N, C-alpha and C. Protein backbone atom coordinates (compact mmCIF):
# COMPACT_ATOMS: atom_id res chain seq x y z
N MET A 1 110.25 122.48 66.76
CA MET A 1 111.49 122.27 65.47
C MET A 1 110.73 120.79 65.80
N ASP A 2 110.39 120.02 64.71
CA ASP A 2 109.93 119.13 64.36
C ASP A 2 112.02 117.85 64.04
N ALA A 3 111.74 116.71 65.54
CA ALA A 3 113.24 115.74 64.91
C ALA A 3 113.63 115.96 64.17
N LEU A 4 112.40 115.31 62.63
CA LEU A 4 113.09 114.91 61.69
C LEU A 4 112.32 115.41 60.74
N VAL A 5 112.81 115.93 59.24
CA VAL A 5 113.22 116.93 58.32
C VAL A 5 113.06 115.59 56.31
N ILE A 6 111.42 115.41 56.44
CA ILE A 6 112.07 114.68 54.78
C ILE A 6 112.30 115.73 53.39
N GLY A 7 113.78 114.30 53.88
CA GLY A 7 114.08 115.84 52.39
C GLY A 7 113.79 115.91 51.01
N ASP A 8 114.32 116.83 49.96
CA ASP A 8 114.30 116.57 48.18
C ASP A 8 113.90 115.03 48.13
N ASP A 9 115.42 114.38 48.53
CA ASP A 9 115.45 113.74 47.98
C ASP A 9 115.00 112.20 48.51
N GLY A 10 113.69 112.81 50.18
CA GLY A 10 112.79 111.55 50.70
C GLY A 10 113.36 110.98 51.02
N GLN A 11 114.63 111.36 52.01
CA GLN A 11 115.01 111.14 52.94
C GLN A 11 114.44 111.19 53.78
N PRO A 12 114.71 110.45 55.60
CA PRO A 12 114.33 111.68 56.63
C PRO A 12 115.51 112.04 57.23
N ARG A 13 115.37 113.09 57.61
CA ARG A 13 116.94 112.95 58.75
C ARG A 13 116.59 114.15 59.93
N CYS A 14 117.78 114.11 60.88
CA CYS A 14 117.93 114.98 61.83
C CYS A 14 117.33 116.34 61.11
N SER A 15 116.72 117.36 62.28
CA SER A 15 116.38 118.70 61.26
C SER A 15 117.05 119.66 61.01
N TRP A 16 118.32 119.77 61.45
CA TRP A 16 119.42 120.66 62.26
C TRP A 16 120.05 120.19 60.45
N GLY A 17 119.66 118.79 60.55
CA GLY A 17 121.22 118.70 59.49
C GLY A 17 120.37 118.53 57.97
N SER A 18 119.93 119.47 57.72
CA SER A 18 118.62 119.37 56.64
C SER A 18 119.12 121.06 56.13
N SER A 19 119.19 121.73 56.76
CA SER A 19 118.67 123.16 55.89
C SER A 19 119.70 123.54 55.49
N SER A 20 121.24 122.97 55.03
CA SER A 20 121.96 123.34 54.28
C SER A 20 122.03 122.21 52.92
N ALA A 21 122.74 122.38 51.60
CA ALA A 21 123.37 121.68 51.45
C ALA A 21 124.91 121.45 52.35
N ASP A 22 125.60 121.90 52.84
CA ASP A 22 126.70 121.68 54.32
C ASP A 22 126.57 120.49 54.86
N TYR A 23 125.37 121.06 55.51
CA TYR A 23 124.66 119.92 56.39
C TYR A 23 124.32 119.40 56.45
N ILE A 24 123.44 118.38 54.94
CA ILE A 24 123.22 118.19 54.75
C ILE A 24 124.29 116.71 54.33
N HIS A 25 125.71 117.22 53.56
CA HIS A 25 126.64 116.31 53.85
C HIS A 25 127.65 115.57 54.94
N TYR A 26 127.39 116.90 55.58
CA TYR A 26 127.80 116.39 56.80
C TYR A 26 127.26 115.17 58.21
N HIS A 27 126.52 116.00 57.87
CA HIS A 27 125.06 114.63 58.73
C HIS A 27 125.12 113.77 57.70
N ASP A 28 124.75 113.52 56.58
CA ASP A 28 124.57 112.33 56.04
C ASP A 28 126.01 110.93 56.55
N THR A 29 127.13 111.85 55.97
CA THR A 29 128.74 110.95 56.43
C THR A 29 129.68 110.86 56.63
N GLU A 30 129.17 112.23 57.29
CA GLU A 30 130.14 112.62 59.10
C GLU A 30 129.82 112.07 60.93
N TRP A 31 128.33 113.00 60.79
CA TRP A 31 128.16 113.08 62.15
C TRP A 31 127.66 112.01 62.75
N GLY A 32 128.65 111.69 63.88
CA GLY A 32 128.04 110.37 64.35
C GLY A 32 128.43 108.85 64.21
N ARG A 33 129.64 108.78 62.92
CA ARG A 33 130.40 107.82 62.23
C ARG A 33 131.46 107.48 63.16
N PRO A 34 131.23 106.77 63.62
CA PRO A 34 133.18 106.10 64.59
C PRO A 34 134.23 106.53 64.29
N THR A 35 135.08 107.32 64.47
CA THR A 35 136.33 107.74 64.82
C THR A 35 137.94 107.61 65.89
N THR A 36 138.48 107.25 65.84
CA THR A 36 139.87 106.65 65.76
C THR A 36 140.92 107.00 65.17
N ASP A 37 141.03 107.82 65.12
CA ASP A 37 142.23 108.10 64.11
C ASP A 37 142.31 109.78 64.88
N GLU A 38 144.09 109.96 65.12
CA GLU A 38 144.32 110.79 66.14
C GLU A 38 144.24 112.25 65.76
N ARG A 39 144.73 112.38 64.76
CA ARG A 39 144.82 113.75 63.26
C ARG A 39 143.17 113.88 63.28
N THR A 40 141.41 112.59 63.33
CA THR A 40 140.83 112.54 62.69
C THR A 40 140.20 114.14 63.85
N LEU A 41 140.10 113.08 65.39
CA LEU A 41 140.11 113.32 66.99
C LEU A 41 140.41 114.46 67.24
N PHE A 42 141.45 114.70 66.79
CA PHE A 42 141.91 116.24 67.72
C PHE A 42 141.18 117.13 66.31
N GLU A 43 141.12 116.97 65.65
CA GLU A 43 140.61 118.05 64.20
C GLU A 43 139.62 118.33 64.68
N LYS A 44 138.72 117.44 65.29
CA LYS A 44 137.16 117.40 65.64
C LYS A 44 137.72 118.51 66.93
N MET A 45 138.11 118.26 67.80
CA MET A 45 138.14 118.38 69.21
C MET A 45 138.53 120.51 69.02
N CYS A 46 139.09 120.99 68.25
CA CYS A 46 139.90 121.77 67.82
C CYS A 46 138.72 122.67 67.19
N LEU A 47 138.63 122.26 66.27
CA LEU A 47 136.76 123.19 65.50
C LEU A 47 135.76 122.52 66.26
N GLU A 48 135.39 121.98 67.56
CA GLU A 48 134.16 121.92 68.09
C GLU A 48 134.85 123.27 69.35
N GLY A 49 136.11 123.31 70.08
CA GLY A 49 136.85 124.51 70.24
C GLY A 49 136.36 125.65 69.64
N PHE A 50 136.57 126.03 68.53
CA PHE A 50 136.59 127.05 67.90
C PHE A 50 135.17 127.77 67.97
N GLN A 51 133.82 126.67 67.37
CA GLN A 51 132.70 126.84 67.30
C GLN A 51 131.73 127.00 69.09
N SER A 52 132.86 127.54 69.50
CA SER A 52 132.27 127.48 71.29
C SER A 52 131.62 129.30 71.03
N GLY A 53 130.36 129.16 70.88
CA GLY A 53 129.94 130.36 70.97
C GLY A 53 129.19 130.61 69.72
N LEU A 54 129.31 129.66 68.37
CA LEU A 54 129.58 130.55 66.97
C LEU A 54 128.21 129.52 66.51
N SER A 55 127.67 129.44 64.83
CA SER A 55 126.94 128.58 64.54
C SER A 55 128.30 127.17 63.90
N TRP A 56 127.63 126.07 64.11
CA TRP A 56 128.89 125.46 63.49
C TRP A 56 128.73 125.17 62.10
N ILE A 57 127.78 125.53 61.19
CA ILE A 57 128.19 125.89 59.88
C ILE A 57 129.04 127.00 59.64
N THR A 58 129.34 128.09 60.27
CA THR A 58 130.20 128.89 60.76
C THR A 58 131.89 128.34 60.00
N ILE A 59 131.61 127.02 61.33
CA ILE A 59 132.80 126.18 61.49
C ILE A 59 133.13 125.32 60.03
N LEU A 60 132.22 125.14 59.84
CA LEU A 60 131.66 124.13 58.64
C LEU A 60 131.86 124.32 57.74
N ARG A 61 131.68 126.19 57.47
CA ARG A 61 132.12 126.34 55.70
C ARG A 61 133.92 126.94 55.76
N LYS A 62 134.47 127.30 56.89
CA LYS A 62 135.85 127.29 56.95
C LYS A 62 136.65 126.20 57.47
N ARG A 63 135.96 125.15 57.01
CA ARG A 63 137.09 124.37 57.47
C ARG A 63 137.91 124.07 56.46
N GLU A 64 138.27 124.23 55.45
CA GLU A 64 139.20 123.07 54.75
C GLU A 64 140.52 125.10 55.15
N ALA A 65 140.22 126.19 54.91
CA ALA A 65 140.93 127.19 55.76
C ALA A 65 141.66 126.45 57.33
N PHE A 66 140.53 126.18 58.33
CA PHE A 66 141.33 126.27 59.40
C PHE A 66 142.07 124.42 58.41
N ARG A 67 141.99 123.75 58.24
CA ARG A 67 142.93 122.68 57.76
C ARG A 67 144.43 123.01 56.95
N GLU A 68 143.79 124.14 56.21
CA GLU A 68 145.29 124.43 55.32
C GLU A 68 146.24 125.46 56.31
N VAL A 69 145.72 126.54 57.69
CA VAL A 69 146.36 127.34 58.37
C VAL A 69 147.37 126.45 59.75
N PHE A 70 146.01 125.62 60.06
CA PHE A 70 147.03 124.29 60.63
C PHE A 70 147.63 123.31 60.37
N ALA A 71 147.78 123.25 59.18
CA ALA A 71 148.75 122.16 59.09
C ALA A 71 148.05 120.34 58.69
N ASP A 72 146.52 120.76 58.24
CA ASP A 72 146.05 119.48 58.66
C ASP A 72 146.04 118.82 59.70
N PHE A 73 146.05 119.54 60.59
CA PHE A 73 145.57 119.23 62.23
C PHE A 73 146.75 118.14 62.48
N ASP A 74 147.75 118.76 62.11
CA ASP A 74 148.90 117.36 62.43
C ASP A 74 149.50 117.72 63.71
N ALA A 75 149.34 117.43 65.29
CA ALA A 75 149.44 117.76 66.05
C ALA A 75 151.63 118.10 66.43
N GLU A 76 152.43 117.76 66.51
CA GLU A 76 154.04 118.09 65.79
C GLU A 76 154.16 119.52 65.61
N THR A 77 153.55 119.32 63.94
CA THR A 77 153.49 120.53 63.34
C THR A 77 153.21 121.71 64.31
N VAL A 78 151.91 121.79 64.15
CA VAL A 78 151.15 122.94 65.30
C VAL A 78 151.52 123.40 66.42
N ALA A 79 152.10 121.92 67.53
CA ALA A 79 152.72 122.71 68.57
C ALA A 79 154.15 123.61 68.67
N ASP A 80 154.53 123.10 67.99
CA ASP A 80 155.56 124.27 67.47
C ASP A 80 155.01 126.26 66.71
N PHE A 81 154.35 125.89 66.81
CA PHE A 81 154.34 128.05 66.69
C PHE A 81 154.24 128.32 67.56
N GLY A 82 154.97 129.68 67.27
CA GLY A 82 155.22 130.34 68.02
C GLY A 82 153.83 131.30 67.72
N GLU A 83 154.95 132.83 68.22
CA GLU A 83 153.98 134.37 68.55
C GLU A 83 154.03 134.64 66.55
N PRO A 84 154.89 134.09 65.87
CA PRO A 84 154.92 134.60 64.32
C PRO A 84 153.51 134.00 64.17
N GLU A 85 153.93 132.25 63.86
CA GLU A 85 152.37 132.01 63.26
C GLU A 85 151.04 132.24 64.01
N ILE A 86 151.00 132.73 65.47
CA ILE A 86 150.13 133.46 65.74
C ILE A 86 149.16 134.54 65.03
N GLU A 87 150.02 135.97 65.43
CA GLU A 87 149.62 136.51 65.05
C GLU A 87 149.18 136.85 63.80
N LYS A 88 150.15 136.14 62.11
CA LYS A 88 149.87 135.93 60.52
C LYS A 88 148.25 135.17 60.69
N LEU A 89 148.45 133.79 62.24
CA LEU A 89 146.41 133.48 62.54
C LEU A 89 145.30 134.88 62.49
N LEU A 90 146.14 135.62 63.21
CA LEU A 90 145.50 137.13 64.26
C LEU A 90 145.09 137.55 62.27
N SER A 91 145.23 137.43 61.55
CA SER A 91 145.48 138.68 60.52
C SER A 91 144.45 137.56 59.28
N ASP A 92 144.37 136.41 59.48
CA ASP A 92 143.65 135.26 58.49
C ASP A 92 142.29 135.05 58.59
N GLU A 93 141.42 136.45 57.59
CA GLU A 93 139.77 137.07 57.41
C GLU A 93 139.30 134.84 57.51
N ARG A 94 140.33 134.24 56.81
CA ARG A 94 139.22 132.78 56.13
C ARG A 94 139.01 131.82 57.88
N ILE A 95 139.81 132.64 58.93
CA ILE A 95 138.90 131.28 60.23
C ILE A 95 138.73 132.11 60.88
N ILE A 96 138.31 131.60 62.07
CA ILE A 96 138.27 132.72 63.49
C ILE A 96 138.63 133.00 63.54
N ARG A 97 139.01 134.91 64.10
CA ARG A 97 140.26 135.57 64.41
C ARG A 97 139.79 135.33 65.75
N HIS A 98 140.31 133.73 66.90
CA HIS A 98 140.20 134.61 68.45
C HIS A 98 141.29 134.12 68.70
N ARG A 99 142.35 135.46 69.91
CA ARG A 99 143.84 134.50 69.65
C ARG A 99 143.89 133.42 70.95
N GLY A 100 142.21 133.76 71.91
CA GLY A 100 142.26 133.17 73.10
C GLY A 100 142.14 131.19 72.64
N LYS A 101 141.05 130.75 71.22
CA LYS A 101 140.55 129.36 70.57
C LYS A 101 142.34 129.15 69.96
N ILE A 102 143.15 129.77 68.87
CA ILE A 102 143.95 129.54 68.50
C ILE A 102 145.15 129.17 69.62
N GLU A 103 145.47 130.36 70.20
CA GLU A 103 146.53 129.40 71.13
C GLU A 103 146.01 128.82 72.12
N ALA A 104 144.99 128.42 72.57
CA ALA A 104 143.75 127.01 72.70
C ALA A 104 144.57 125.95 72.36
N THR A 105 144.25 126.13 70.79
CA THR A 105 144.29 124.81 69.57
C THR A 105 146.27 124.80 69.36
N ILE A 106 146.87 125.57 69.96
CA ILE A 106 148.74 125.41 70.41
C ILE A 106 148.60 124.56 71.04
N ASN A 107 148.07 125.46 72.49
CA ASN A 107 148.82 124.54 73.71
C ASN A 107 147.99 122.60 73.46
N ASN A 108 146.67 122.94 72.91
CA ASN A 108 146.33 121.00 73.20
C ASN A 108 147.33 120.28 71.95
N ALA A 109 147.48 120.62 70.94
CA ALA A 109 148.26 119.70 70.43
C ALA A 109 149.82 119.40 70.74
N GLN A 110 150.56 120.26 72.37
CA GLN A 110 151.50 120.43 73.18
C GLN A 110 151.38 118.89 73.69
N VAL A 111 150.02 119.66 74.47
CA VAL A 111 149.61 118.18 75.44
C VAL A 111 149.40 116.91 74.63
N LEU A 112 149.05 117.73 73.69
CA LEU A 112 148.54 115.88 72.50
C LEU A 112 149.71 115.15 72.29
N VAL A 113 150.92 115.67 72.05
CA VAL A 113 152.56 115.95 71.46
C VAL A 113 152.75 114.99 72.94
N GLU A 114 152.92 115.24 73.88
CA GLU A 114 153.58 115.35 75.19
C GLU A 114 153.01 113.70 75.21
N MET A 115 151.62 113.17 75.41
CA MET A 115 150.56 111.79 75.95
C MET A 115 150.58 111.01 74.41
N HIS A 116 151.84 111.67 73.34
CA HIS A 116 151.99 110.43 72.34
C HIS A 116 153.33 109.70 72.88
N GLY A 117 154.16 111.02 73.38
CA GLY A 117 155.52 110.72 74.36
C GLY A 117 155.43 109.38 74.60
N GLU A 118 154.46 109.20 75.73
CA GLU A 118 154.04 108.75 76.57
C GLU A 118 153.27 107.49 76.42
N GLY A 119 153.00 107.65 75.52
CA GLY A 119 151.85 105.88 74.99
C GLY A 119 150.73 106.62 74.68
N SER A 120 149.87 107.41 74.91
CA SER A 120 148.80 107.49 75.39
C SER A 120 148.02 108.32 74.30
N THR A 121 146.57 108.62 73.62
CA THR A 121 145.89 108.59 73.04
C THR A 121 144.94 109.37 73.40
N LEU A 122 144.64 110.02 72.31
CA LEU A 122 143.56 110.95 72.58
C LEU A 122 142.58 110.44 73.04
N ALA A 123 142.89 109.11 71.68
CA ALA A 123 141.44 109.02 71.32
C ALA A 123 141.13 107.20 72.21
N GLY A 124 142.18 106.99 72.30
CA GLY A 124 142.05 106.00 74.43
C GLY A 124 141.26 106.74 75.10
N MET A 125 141.89 108.35 75.23
CA MET A 125 140.75 108.96 77.37
C MET A 125 139.21 109.44 76.17
N ILE A 126 139.34 109.67 74.77
CA ILE A 126 137.62 110.31 74.50
C ILE A 126 136.97 109.23 74.91
N TRP A 127 137.55 107.36 74.05
CA TRP A 127 136.60 106.40 73.94
C TRP A 127 136.76 106.15 75.47
N SER A 128 136.85 106.61 76.09
CA SER A 128 137.31 105.18 77.54
C SER A 128 135.56 105.81 78.68
N HIS A 129 135.29 107.09 77.93
CA HIS A 129 134.10 107.65 78.09
C HIS A 129 132.66 107.78 77.49
N GLU A 130 133.10 106.86 76.87
CA GLU A 130 131.42 106.11 76.24
C GLU A 130 130.44 105.95 76.73
N PRO A 131 129.59 106.66 77.41
CA PRO A 131 128.32 106.38 77.64
C PRO A 131 128.04 104.32 77.87
N SER A 132 127.82 103.87 78.82
CA SER A 132 127.42 102.21 79.17
C SER A 132 126.66 101.83 78.11
N GLU A 133 126.28 101.14 77.85
CA GLU A 133 125.11 100.19 77.30
C GLU A 133 123.76 100.97 77.34
N ALA A 134 123.91 100.44 78.87
CA ALA A 134 122.86 100.54 79.42
C ALA A 134 122.29 102.75 80.21
N THR A 135 122.85 103.77 79.22
CA THR A 135 122.55 104.18 79.10
C THR A 135 121.88 104.87 78.15
N PRO A 136 120.68 105.64 78.04
CA PRO A 136 119.48 105.11 77.00
C PRO A 136 120.87 106.15 75.55
N GLU A 137 120.46 106.89 74.46
CA GLU A 137 120.69 107.03 73.12
C GLU A 137 119.90 107.31 72.69
N VAL A 138 118.92 107.41 72.89
CA VAL A 138 117.17 108.18 72.57
C VAL A 138 116.39 109.15 73.18
N TRP A 139 116.66 110.78 72.81
CA TRP A 139 116.40 111.55 73.62
C TRP A 139 115.07 111.85 73.25
N ASP A 140 114.08 112.69 74.06
CA ASP A 140 113.31 113.68 73.60
C ASP A 140 113.34 115.25 72.56
N ASP A 141 114.71 115.10 73.36
CA ASP A 141 115.70 116.78 72.71
C ASP A 141 116.50 116.07 73.32
N VAL A 142 118.15 117.30 72.02
CA VAL A 142 119.32 116.43 72.55
C VAL A 142 119.95 116.65 73.39
N PRO A 143 120.85 116.67 74.59
CA PRO A 143 121.21 117.61 76.13
C PRO A 143 122.39 117.95 75.28
N GLY A 144 122.46 119.72 76.02
CA GLY A 144 123.98 119.90 75.56
C GLY A 144 125.41 119.32 76.33
N PHE A 145 124.48 118.89 77.79
CA PHE A 145 126.33 118.01 77.76
C PHE A 145 125.74 116.98 79.19
N THR A 146 125.70 115.61 78.73
CA THR A 146 126.07 114.87 79.76
C THR A 146 127.06 114.18 81.04
N ASP A 147 126.54 113.71 81.69
CA ASP A 147 127.94 113.29 83.23
C ASP A 147 129.06 112.57 82.37
N GLU A 148 128.88 111.99 81.50
CA GLU A 148 130.00 111.81 80.34
C GLU A 148 131.07 113.45 79.81
N SER A 149 129.71 113.68 79.33
CA SER A 149 130.81 114.57 78.85
C SER A 149 131.65 115.40 79.71
N THR A 150 130.76 115.40 81.13
CA THR A 150 131.44 116.24 82.26
C THR A 150 133.03 115.61 82.21
N ALA A 151 132.80 114.62 82.53
CA ALA A 151 133.72 113.60 83.39
C ALA A 151 134.77 113.84 82.17
N LEU A 152 134.37 113.90 80.79
CA LEU A 152 135.69 114.05 79.26
C LEU A 152 136.07 115.65 80.19
N SER A 153 135.17 115.97 80.22
CA SER A 153 135.95 117.67 80.15
C SER A 153 136.41 117.72 81.04
N LYS A 154 136.92 117.26 82.12
CA LYS A 154 137.72 116.92 83.49
C LYS A 154 138.77 117.01 83.65
N ALA A 155 138.24 115.70 82.64
CA ALA A 155 140.21 113.82 82.50
C ALA A 155 141.00 115.36 81.63
N LEU A 156 140.08 116.09 80.53
CA LEU A 156 140.78 116.63 79.47
C LEU A 156 141.78 117.93 80.23
N LYS A 157 140.94 118.61 80.76
CA LYS A 157 141.27 120.29 81.60
C LYS A 157 142.64 119.23 83.26
N LYS A 158 142.35 118.38 83.10
CA LYS A 158 143.27 117.91 84.00
C LYS A 158 144.25 117.70 83.09
N ARG A 159 144.40 117.56 81.67
CA ARG A 159 145.53 116.90 81.47
C ARG A 159 146.07 118.17 80.62
N GLY A 160 145.19 119.03 80.81
CA GLY A 160 145.96 120.30 79.96
C GLY A 160 145.59 120.87 78.70
N PHE A 161 144.12 120.87 78.17
CA PHE A 161 143.62 120.42 76.96
C PHE A 161 142.89 121.62 78.14
N ARG A 162 142.46 122.89 76.62
CA ARG A 162 142.24 123.84 76.65
C ARG A 162 140.31 123.90 76.40
N PHE A 163 139.40 124.57 75.85
CA PHE A 163 138.51 125.32 75.25
C PHE A 163 137.33 123.53 75.78
N VAL A 164 138.14 123.01 76.48
CA VAL A 164 136.84 121.85 76.42
C VAL A 164 136.48 121.63 77.87
N GLY A 165 134.79 122.80 78.13
CA GLY A 165 133.81 122.49 78.57
C GLY A 165 132.34 121.94 77.94
N PRO A 166 132.40 120.58 79.69
CA PRO A 166 131.33 119.91 79.44
C PRO A 166 130.61 120.03 78.02
N THR A 167 130.18 121.24 77.48
CA THR A 167 129.34 121.35 76.57
C THR A 167 129.89 120.83 74.74
N THR A 168 131.02 121.62 74.80
CA THR A 168 131.85 121.43 73.64
C THR A 168 132.62 119.80 73.93
N ALA A 169 132.29 118.92 74.67
CA ALA A 169 133.03 117.74 74.48
C ALA A 169 132.40 116.87 74.24
N TYR A 170 130.74 117.36 74.96
CA TYR A 170 129.87 116.61 74.09
C TYR A 170 129.78 116.82 72.37
N ALA A 171 129.35 118.05 72.55
CA ALA A 171 129.80 118.21 71.01
C ALA A 171 130.31 117.48 69.43
N ALA A 172 132.51 117.05 70.31
CA ALA A 172 132.85 116.48 69.24
C ALA A 172 132.32 115.00 69.87
N MET A 173 131.97 114.01 71.60
CA MET A 173 131.17 112.85 71.53
C MET A 173 130.57 112.85 70.27
N GLN A 174 129.53 113.25 70.32
CA GLN A 174 128.00 113.37 68.52
C GLN A 174 128.66 113.65 67.78
N ALA A 175 129.79 113.87 67.30
CA ALA A 175 130.44 114.18 66.04
C ALA A 175 131.64 113.36 66.07
N MET A 176 131.94 112.58 66.88
CA MET A 176 132.85 111.44 66.81
C MET A 176 132.06 110.25 66.80
N GLY A 177 130.95 110.58 67.19
CA GLY A 177 130.03 108.54 67.03
C GLY A 177 131.04 108.08 68.16
N ILE A 178 131.53 108.69 69.10
CA ILE A 178 131.41 108.14 71.01
C ILE A 178 129.82 108.20 71.22
N VAL A 179 128.78 108.52 70.34
CA VAL A 179 127.61 108.27 71.36
C VAL A 179 126.94 108.71 69.67
N ASN A 180 125.70 108.49 69.67
CA ASN A 180 125.01 108.07 68.37
C ASN A 180 123.54 108.68 68.37
N ASP A 181 123.05 110.03 68.37
CA ASP A 181 122.21 111.35 68.09
C ASP A 181 120.98 111.22 67.72
N HIS A 182 121.51 110.54 66.56
CA HIS A 182 120.98 110.69 65.35
C HIS A 182 119.83 110.06 66.28
N PHE A 183 118.76 110.78 65.32
CA PHE A 183 117.03 110.68 65.79
C PHE A 183 116.75 109.82 65.56
N ILE A 184 115.57 108.85 66.28
CA ILE A 184 114.78 107.70 65.53
C ILE A 184 113.99 107.72 64.30
N GLY A 185 114.44 107.38 63.46
CA GLY A 185 113.50 107.50 62.62
C GLY A 185 114.54 108.32 61.25
N CYS A 186 115.42 108.90 61.40
CA CYS A 186 116.68 109.79 60.96
C CYS A 186 116.75 108.21 60.03
N ALA A 187 117.31 108.35 58.67
CA ALA A 187 117.54 107.47 57.64
C ALA A 187 119.07 106.80 57.89
N PHE A 188 119.81 107.58 58.72
CA PHE A 188 121.15 107.44 58.74
C PHE A 188 122.03 106.77 60.70
N ARG A 189 120.52 106.75 61.26
CA ARG A 189 120.64 106.55 62.05
C ARG A 189 121.38 104.49 62.63
N GLN A 190 120.62 103.95 61.68
CA GLN A 190 121.18 102.99 61.51
C GLN A 190 122.89 102.28 61.25
N SER A 191 122.99 102.93 60.15
CA SER A 191 124.26 103.01 59.75
C SER A 191 126.06 103.57 60.40
N CYS A 192 125.17 104.59 61.47
CA CYS A 192 126.18 105.11 62.25
C CYS A 192 125.84 104.12 63.52
N ALA A 193 124.55 103.21 64.42
CA ALA A 193 125.05 101.93 65.29
C ALA A 193 125.95 100.61 64.29
N ASP A 194 125.56 100.29 63.04
CA ASP A 194 126.31 99.47 62.88
C ASP A 194 128.18 99.65 62.73
N GLU A 195 128.73 100.64 62.60
CA GLU A 195 129.91 101.45 62.19
C GLU A 195 130.00 101.37 64.24
N ARG A 196 129.14 101.98 65.00
CA ARG A 196 129.26 101.79 66.36
C ARG A 196 129.58 100.40 66.78
N ALA A 197 129.48 99.31 66.31
CA ALA A 197 128.99 98.06 66.38
C ALA A 197 130.29 97.46 66.45
N ALA A 198 130.84 97.83 64.77
CA ALA A 198 132.24 97.45 64.35
C ALA A 198 133.63 98.17 64.66
N VAL A 199 133.52 99.41 65.59
CA VAL A 199 134.67 99.42 65.06
C VAL A 199 134.84 99.35 66.48
N VAL A 200 136.34 99.09 66.61
CA VAL A 200 137.47 98.41 67.71
C VAL A 200 138.10 99.89 68.78
N ARG A 201 137.83 99.62 70.37
CA ARG A 201 137.42 100.67 71.14
C ARG A 201 139.41 101.04 70.96
N PRO A 202 140.07 101.87 71.45
CA PRO A 202 140.80 102.16 71.39
C PRO A 202 141.29 101.94 73.06
N THR A 203 142.09 101.57 73.63
CA THR A 203 142.85 100.79 75.24
C THR A 203 143.46 101.70 75.65
N LYS A 204 144.55 102.59 74.92
CA LYS A 204 145.49 103.88 75.97
C LYS A 204 145.46 105.41 74.98
């Protein structure tokens, strides 16, 4: 498959981001844009966990339902979910009804609340694994994981997070703009690079 596809609007895009209206909007406006907001980072990490083994378009089309049932990914609220909430989620056909992933989301909310109580943030942990400037961000074929995503995965797991393997961690890093994996020639690569250059990196 070619790395780039020219859309009906004449814009060259990464080929994966040009196959549907949902993908085009996500690719153009969100993927690769640097994110430091805790709620947004928590949502993206959770959704990447739910995506494991599935197509991202499946998650994208269920995103609003996920936001509804997980209290807009407010960690303090989700951390208080118990068995009644889990059973309700398992019966909701609008989301991915996978007990392990649902329980991992609740667990991860609890871990995040603990981190906040200790004065640390998910943003600080994730951004601390940003590749150095010496690390190339241009690939002939985008990898499934990197040394940095493997290290991030280990750090997250050590802290208590679940469903955060190296591949999931790298997909999250791409989505959150920790790396810029828009292919050279993509119309949106430079704007993501500009935003990354301007973003204030969290320190803790």
